Amino acid sequence: MRLNVGGADRVIRIIVGIVLLALVVVGPQTWWGLLGIIPLATGLVGY
């Protein structure tokens, strides 16, 4: 499987994913923060 996410894009996706997941733990504790799983997974996998 060929990677289709660039280097800078991967870093941005990982950071956004971690921030959104941190909102679930630290912030307003809503379920919307779990959407951070999507950018985090695509950033880690690279596809």
N, C-alpha and C. Protein backbone atom coordinates (compact mmCIF):
# COMPACT_ATOMS: atom_id res chain seq x y z
N MET A 1 0.84 -1.16 0.00
CA MET A 1 0.00 0.00 0.00
C MET A 1 0.90 1.24 0.00
N ARG A 2 0.66 2.13 -0.94
CA ARG A 2 1.47 3.32 -1.08
C ARG A 2 0.96 4.43 -0.16
N LEU A 3 1.89 5.10 0.53
CA LEU A 3 1.51 6.19 1.43
C LEU A 3 1.04 7.38 0.61
N ASN A 4 -0.04 8.03 1.03
CA ASN A 4 -0.52 9.19 0.31
C ASN A 4 -0.67 10.41 1.21
N VAL A 5 -0.03 10.40 2.36
CA VAL A 5 -0.04 11.54 3.27
C VAL A 5 1.40 12.00 3.43
N GLY A 6 1.64 13.28 3.13
CA GLY A 6 2.99 13.83 3.20
C GLY A 6 3.49 13.99 4.62
N GLY A 7 4.75 14.36 4.75
CA GLY A 7 5.39 14.47 6.06
C GLY A 7 4.78 15.54 6.94
N ALA A 8 4.62 16.75 6.41
CA ALA A 8 4.04 17.84 7.21
C ALA A 8 2.58 17.55 7.53
N ASP A 9 1.87 16.98 6.58
CA ASP A 9 0.47 16.65 6.79
C ASP A 9 0.31 15.60 7.88
N ARG A 10 1.21 14.64 7.92
CA ARG A 10 1.17 13.61 8.96
C ARG A 10 1.35 14.22 10.34
N VAL A 11 2.31 15.11 10.46
CA VAL A 11 2.59 15.75 11.75
C VAL A 11 1.38 16.56 12.21
N ILE A 12 0.78 17.32 11.29
CA ILE A 12 -0.38 18.14 11.63
C ILE A 12 -1.55 17.25 12.05
N ARG A 13 -1.78 16.15 11.32
CA ARG A 13 -2.88 15.25 11.67
C ARG A 13 -2.67 14.62 13.04
N ILE A 14 -1.45 14.23 13.34
CA ILE A 14 -1.16 13.62 14.64
C ILE A 14 -1.39 14.62 15.76
N ILE A 15 -0.94 15.85 15.58
CA ILE A 15 -1.11 16.89 16.60
C ILE A 15 -2.59 17.20 16.81
N VAL A 16 -3.33 17.36 15.71
CA VAL A 16 -4.77 17.65 15.82
C VAL A 16 -5.49 16.49 16.50
N GLY A 17 -5.13 15.26 16.15
CA GLY A 17 -5.76 14.11 16.78
C GLY A 17 -5.51 14.05 18.26
N ILE A 18 -4.29 14.32 18.68
CA ILE A 18 -3.95 14.29 20.11
C ILE A 18 -4.68 15.40 20.85
N VAL A 19 -4.77 16.59 20.24
CA VAL A 19 -5.46 17.70 20.89
C VAL A 19 -6.94 17.38 21.05
N LEU A 20 -7.57 16.83 20.02
CA LEU A 20 -8.99 16.50 20.12
C LEU A 20 -9.23 15.41 21.16
N LEU A 21 -8.36 14.42 21.22
CA LEU A 21 -8.52 13.38 22.24
C LEU A 21 -8.26 13.93 23.64
N ALA A 22 -7.37 14.92 23.76
CA ALA A 22 -7.11 15.52 25.06
C ALA A 22 -8.33 16.29 25.56
N LEU A 23 -9.13 16.81 24.63
CA LEU A 23 -10.34 17.52 25.04
C LEU A 23 -11.31 16.59 25.75
N VAL A 24 -11.30 15.33 25.39
CA VAL A 24 -12.20 14.37 26.05
C VAL A 24 -11.77 14.18 27.50
N VAL A 25 -10.48 14.18 27.75
CA VAL A 25 -9.98 13.91 29.10
C VAL A 25 -9.94 15.18 29.95
N VAL A 26 -9.45 16.28 29.38
CA VAL A 26 -9.19 17.48 30.16
C VAL A 26 -10.27 18.54 29.98
N GLY A 27 -10.76 18.71 28.77
CA GLY A 27 -11.65 19.82 28.44
C GLY A 27 -13.09 19.57 28.80
N PRO A 28 -14.00 19.95 27.90
CA PRO A 28 -15.43 19.88 28.20
C PRO A 28 -15.99 18.46 28.25
N GLN A 29 -15.21 17.48 27.95
CA GLN A 29 -15.58 16.06 28.04
C GLN A 29 -16.84 15.72 27.25
N THR A 30 -16.83 16.11 25.97
CA THR A 30 -17.92 15.75 25.08
C THR A 30 -17.44 14.64 24.15
N TRP A 31 -18.39 13.97 23.52
CA TRP A 31 -18.06 12.88 22.61
C TRP A 31 -17.44 13.38 21.32
N TRP A 32 -17.56 14.66 21.01
CA TRP A 32 -16.97 15.19 19.78
C TRP A 32 -15.45 15.06 19.78
N GLY A 33 -14.84 15.03 20.92
CA GLY A 33 -13.40 14.87 21.01
C GLY A 33 -12.91 13.54 20.49
N LEU A 34 -13.78 12.53 20.51
CA LEU A 34 -13.39 11.21 20.00
C LEU A 34 -13.18 11.21 18.49
N LEU A 35 -13.62 12.26 17.81
CA LEU A 35 -13.32 12.39 16.38
C LEU A 35 -11.82 12.54 16.14
N GLY A 36 -11.07 12.81 17.19
CA GLY A 36 -9.62 12.90 17.09
C GLY A 36 -8.97 11.58 16.72
N ILE A 37 -9.70 10.48 16.87
CA ILE A 37 -9.17 9.17 16.50
C ILE A 37 -8.90 9.11 15.00
N ILE A 38 -9.76 9.76 14.21
CA ILE A 38 -9.64 9.69 12.75
C ILE A 38 -8.35 10.35 12.25
N PRO A 39 -8.09 11.64 12.58
CA PRO A 39 -6.83 12.22 12.09
C PRO A 39 -5.60 11.58 12.71
N LEU A 40 -5.72 11.12 13.95
CA LEU A 40 -4.58 10.45 14.58
C LEU A 40 -4.25 9.16 13.87
N ALA A 41 -5.27 8.37 13.55
CA ALA A 41 -5.03 7.10 12.86
C ALA A 41 -4.47 7.32 11.46
N THR A 42 -5.03 8.27 10.72
CA THR A 42 -4.53 8.50 9.36
C THR A 42 -3.13 9.07 9.38
N GLY A 43 -2.81 9.85 10.42
CA GLY A 43 -1.46 10.39 10.54
C GLY A 43 -0.45 9.32 10.89
N LEU A 44 -0.84 8.40 11.75
CA LEU A 44 0.09 7.33 12.14
C LEU A 44 0.27 6.30 11.04
N VAL A 45 -0.82 5.98 10.35
CA VAL A 45 -0.75 4.97 9.29
C VAL A 45 -0.16 5.55 8.02
N GLY A 46 -0.50 6.81 7.72
CA GLY A 46 0.02 7.46 6.53
C GLY A 46 -0.79 7.18 5.29
N TYR A 47 -1.98 6.67 5.46
CA TYR A 47 -2.82 6.37 4.31
C TYR A 47 -4.23 6.84 4.57
